[in-house]
Amino acid sequence: FGLMPRGGAQLFVGNLSFDTTWKELKDHFRQCGDVERAEVMKGFGTVRFYKAKDATNAIQQLNNVELMGRNLEVRIDAKAS
């Protein structure tokens, strides 16, 4: 799954519904671990976990899973610092 950022792990989440809020995104990903923060832009977002293993679990469990009528694309955020 590539290299994890230090301290936590940030994921890119693609194919979001334009109606998805940051809170809905955070709540959806909370099933995989403790979410530090979630941000939503038009059609995509980012989710940062405190633990890298939770981010790995989220990729395995939530990639291509439906949220609000859209199948999500979940992967490591290559632009995270």
N, C-alpha and C. Protein backbone atom coordinates (compact mmCIF):
# COMPACT_ATOMS: atom_id res chain seq x y z
N PHE A 1 0.82 -1.21 0.00
CA PHE A 1 0.00 0.00 0.00
C PHE A 1 0.85 1.26 0.00
N GLY A 2 2.14 1.16 -0.17
CA GLY A 2 2.98 2.35 -0.20
C GLY A 2 3.42 2.76 1.19
N LEU A 3 4.18 3.81 1.27
CA LEU A 3 4.71 4.28 2.55
C LEU A 3 3.67 5.08 3.30
N MET A 4 3.62 4.88 4.59
CA MET A 4 2.68 5.61 5.45
C MET A 4 3.36 6.86 5.99
N PRO A 5 2.64 7.97 6.06
CA PRO A 5 3.19 9.16 6.69
C PRO A 5 3.48 8.89 8.17
N ARG A 6 4.42 9.64 8.73
CA ARG A 6 4.76 9.46 10.14
C ARG A 6 3.58 9.82 11.04
N GLY A 7 3.43 9.06 12.11
CA GLY A 7 2.46 9.41 13.14
C GLY A 7 1.06 8.92 12.87
N GLY A 8 0.59 9.04 11.68
CA GLY A 8 -0.76 8.61 11.34
C GLY A 8 -0.76 8.20 9.89
N ALA A 9 -1.91 8.18 9.30
CA ALA A 9 -1.98 7.84 7.89
C ALA A 9 -3.15 8.57 7.27
N GLN A 10 -2.87 9.26 6.19
CA GLN A 10 -3.93 10.00 5.50
C GLN A 10 -4.32 9.27 4.24
N LEU A 11 -5.62 9.17 4.04
CA LEU A 11 -6.16 8.51 2.87
C LEU A 11 -6.82 9.51 1.94
N PHE A 12 -6.71 9.25 0.65
CA PHE A 12 -7.49 9.95 -0.36
C PHE A 12 -8.76 9.16 -0.57
N VAL A 13 -9.89 9.84 -0.61
CA VAL A 13 -11.18 9.19 -0.85
C VAL A 13 -11.81 9.84 -2.07
N GLY A 14 -11.90 9.08 -3.15
CA GLY A 14 -12.43 9.60 -4.40
C GLY A 14 -13.84 9.11 -4.65
N ASN A 15 -14.49 9.75 -5.62
CA ASN A 15 -15.85 9.41 -6.08
C ASN A 15 -16.90 9.67 -5.02
N LEU A 16 -16.69 10.70 -4.18
CA LEU A 16 -17.70 11.07 -3.18
C LEU A 16 -18.88 11.75 -3.85
N SER A 17 -20.04 11.54 -3.29
CA SER A 17 -21.21 12.33 -3.67
C SER A 17 -20.95 13.78 -3.29
N PHE A 18 -21.40 14.72 -4.11
CA PHE A 18 -21.25 16.14 -3.78
C PHE A 18 -22.03 16.50 -2.52
N ASP A 19 -22.95 15.65 -2.10
CA ASP A 19 -23.76 15.90 -0.91
C ASP A 19 -23.09 15.41 0.38
N THR A 20 -21.99 14.67 0.28
CA THR A 20 -21.33 14.12 1.46
C THR A 20 -20.68 15.24 2.27
N THR A 21 -20.91 15.24 3.59
CA THR A 21 -20.28 16.23 4.47
C THR A 21 -19.05 15.60 5.13
N TRP A 22 -18.19 16.45 5.71
CA TRP A 22 -17.00 15.93 6.39
C TRP A 22 -17.41 15.03 7.55
N LYS A 23 -18.51 15.35 8.22
CA LYS A 23 -18.96 14.55 9.36
C LYS A 23 -19.42 13.16 8.91
N GLU A 24 -20.15 13.10 7.80
CA GLU A 24 -20.60 11.80 7.28
C GLU A 24 -19.40 10.95 6.85
N LEU A 25 -18.42 11.60 6.24
CA LEU A 25 -17.21 10.87 5.83
C LEU A 25 -16.47 10.34 7.05
N LYS A 26 -16.30 11.18 8.06
CA LYS A 26 -15.60 10.78 9.29
C LYS A 26 -16.35 9.63 9.97
N ASP A 27 -17.67 9.75 10.07
CA ASP A 27 -18.46 8.70 10.72
C ASP A 27 -18.35 7.37 9.96
N HIS A 28 -18.33 7.44 8.63
CA HIS A 28 -18.24 6.23 7.81
C HIS A 28 -16.90 5.52 8.05
N PHE A 29 -15.82 6.30 8.17
CA PHE A 29 -14.49 5.71 8.33
C PHE A 29 -14.17 5.34 9.77
N ARG A 30 -14.95 5.84 10.72
CA ARG A 30 -14.71 5.56 12.13
C ARG A 30 -14.82 4.06 12.44
N GLN A 31 -15.55 3.30 11.61
CA GLN A 31 -15.67 1.85 11.82
C GLN A 31 -14.31 1.15 11.70
N CYS A 32 -13.32 1.81 11.10
CA CYS A 32 -12.01 1.20 10.91
C CYS A 32 -10.98 1.65 11.93
N GLY A 33 -11.31 2.66 12.74
CA GLY A 33 -10.36 3.12 13.74
C GLY A 33 -10.63 4.56 14.13
N ASP A 34 -9.71 5.11 14.90
CA ASP A 34 -9.85 6.46 15.44
C ASP A 34 -9.43 7.49 14.39
N VAL A 35 -10.39 8.26 13.89
CA VAL A 35 -10.15 9.24 12.84
C VAL A 35 -9.74 10.57 13.47
N GLU A 36 -8.60 11.09 13.04
CA GLU A 36 -8.13 12.39 13.52
C GLU A 36 -8.93 13.52 12.87
N ARG A 37 -9.10 13.43 11.53
CA ARG A 37 -9.89 14.46 10.84
C ARG A 37 -10.31 13.97 9.47
N ALA A 38 -11.34 14.60 8.96
CA ALA A 38 -11.81 14.33 7.60
C ALA A 38 -12.13 15.66 6.93
N GLU A 39 -11.79 15.75 5.66
CA GLU A 39 -12.10 16.95 4.88
C GLU A 39 -12.78 16.52 3.59
N VAL A 40 -13.70 17.35 3.12
CA VAL A 40 -14.42 17.06 1.89
C VAL A 40 -14.31 18.25 0.94
N MET A 41 -13.95 17.95 -0.30
CA MET A 41 -13.97 18.92 -1.38
C MET A 41 -15.03 18.45 -2.38
N LYS A 42 -15.13 19.04 -3.52
CA LYS A 42 -16.13 18.62 -4.52
C LYS A 42 -15.77 17.25 -5.10
N GLY A 43 -16.47 16.21 -4.66
CA GLY A 43 -16.30 14.89 -5.24
C GLY A 43 -15.18 14.03 -4.67
N PHE A 44 -14.39 14.60 -3.75
CA PHE A 44 -13.34 13.79 -3.11
C PHE A 44 -13.06 14.34 -1.72
N GLY A 45 -12.25 13.61 -0.98
CA GLY A 45 -11.93 14.05 0.37
C GLY A 45 -10.69 13.35 0.88
N THR A 46 -10.33 13.69 2.12
CA THR A 46 -9.23 13.02 2.80
C THR A 46 -9.67 12.64 4.20
N VAL A 47 -9.13 11.53 4.66
CA VAL A 47 -9.38 11.06 6.02
C VAL A 47 -8.03 10.73 6.64
N ARG A 48 -7.75 11.31 7.81
CA ARG A 48 -6.50 11.01 8.51
C ARG A 48 -6.80 10.22 9.78
N PHE A 49 -6.13 9.07 9.88
CA PHE A 49 -6.22 8.22 11.06
C PHE A 49 -5.02 8.49 11.97
N TYR A 50 -5.20 8.26 13.26
CA TYR A 50 -4.09 8.36 14.20
C TYR A 50 -3.10 7.22 14.01
N LYS A 51 -3.59 6.04 13.60
CA LYS A 51 -2.74 4.86 13.47
C LYS A 51 -2.71 4.37 12.03
N ALA A 52 -1.52 4.07 11.55
CA ALA A 52 -1.35 3.60 10.17
C ALA A 52 -2.11 2.30 9.93
N LYS A 53 -2.15 1.43 10.94
CA LYS A 53 -2.84 0.14 10.74
C LYS A 53 -4.34 0.35 10.51
N ASP A 54 -4.91 1.40 11.11
CA ASP A 54 -6.34 1.69 10.88
C ASP A 54 -6.57 2.17 9.44
N ALA A 55 -5.62 2.93 8.92
CA ALA A 55 -5.72 3.38 7.52
C ALA A 55 -5.64 2.19 6.57
N THR A 56 -4.73 1.26 6.87
CA THR A 56 -4.61 0.05 6.05
C THR A 56 -5.91 -0.75 6.09
N ASN A 57 -6.50 -0.87 7.28
CA ASN A 57 -7.78 -1.57 7.41
C ASN A 57 -8.87 -0.87 6.60
N ALA A 58 -8.87 0.46 6.61
CA ALA A 58 -9.88 1.23 5.88
C ALA A 58 -9.77 0.98 4.38
N ILE A 59 -8.54 0.90 3.87
CA ILE A 59 -8.36 0.62 2.44
C ILE A 59 -8.95 -0.75 2.12
N GLN A 60 -8.63 -1.72 2.95
CA GLN A 60 -9.09 -3.09 2.70
C GLN A 60 -10.61 -3.22 2.85
N GLN A 61 -11.20 -2.51 3.82
CA GLN A 61 -12.62 -2.68 4.11
C GLN A 61 -13.54 -1.75 3.32
N LEU A 62 -13.05 -0.55 2.95
CA LEU A 62 -13.95 0.46 2.40
C LEU A 62 -13.69 0.84 0.95
N ASN A 63 -12.58 0.38 0.36
CA ASN A 63 -12.35 0.66 -1.05
C ASN A 63 -13.43 -0.04 -1.88
N ASN A 64 -14.04 0.72 -2.77
CA ASN A 64 -15.11 0.23 -3.67
C ASN A 64 -16.40 -0.10 -2.92
N VAL A 65 -16.54 0.41 -1.68
CA VAL A 65 -17.77 0.23 -0.91
C VAL A 65 -18.64 1.47 -1.09
N GLU A 66 -19.94 1.27 -1.14
CA GLU A 66 -20.88 2.35 -1.42
C GLU A 66 -21.12 3.26 -0.22
N LEU A 67 -21.09 4.56 -0.48
CA LEU A 67 -21.49 5.58 0.49
C LEU A 67 -22.33 6.60 -0.26
N MET A 68 -23.57 6.78 0.17
CA MET A 68 -24.47 7.76 -0.44
C MET A 68 -24.60 7.55 -1.96
N GLY A 69 -24.71 6.27 -2.36
CA GLY A 69 -24.95 5.94 -3.76
C GLY A 69 -23.72 5.92 -4.66
N ARG A 70 -22.53 6.11 -4.08
CA ARG A 70 -21.30 6.12 -4.88
C ARG A 70 -20.32 5.11 -4.31
N ASN A 71 -19.65 4.34 -5.20
CA ASN A 71 -18.60 3.42 -4.75
C ASN A 71 -17.32 4.21 -4.55
N LEU A 72 -16.80 4.19 -3.33
CA LEU A 72 -15.64 4.99 -2.97
C LEU A 72 -14.33 4.41 -3.51
N GLU A 73 -13.41 5.30 -3.85
CA GLU A 73 -12.04 4.93 -4.16
C GLU A 73 -11.21 5.35 -2.94
N VAL A 74 -10.61 4.38 -2.25
CA VAL A 74 -9.87 4.66 -1.03
C VAL A 74 -8.43 4.20 -1.21
N ARG A 75 -7.48 5.14 -1.03
CA ARG A 75 -6.06 4.80 -1.15
C ARG A 75 -5.24 5.77 -0.32
N ILE A 76 -3.96 5.44 -0.15
CA ILE A 76 -3.05 6.33 0.57
C ILE A 76 -2.99 7.66 -0.18
N ASP A 77 -3.03 8.75 0.55
CA ASP A 77 -2.92 10.09 -0.05
C ASP A 77 -1.45 10.39 -0.29
N ALA A 78 -1.04 10.31 -1.53
CA ALA A 78 0.37 10.52 -1.89
C ALA A 78 0.83 11.95 -1.61
N LYS A 79 -0.10 12.89 -1.49
CA LYS A 79 0.26 14.29 -1.27
C LYS A 79 0.32 14.66 0.21
N ALA A 80 -0.01 13.72 1.10
CA ALA A 80 -0.01 14.02 2.54
C ALA A 80 1.42 14.19 3.03
N SER A 81 1.58 15.08 4.02
CA SER A 81 2.91 15.29 4.59
C SER A 81 2.97 14.74 6.00
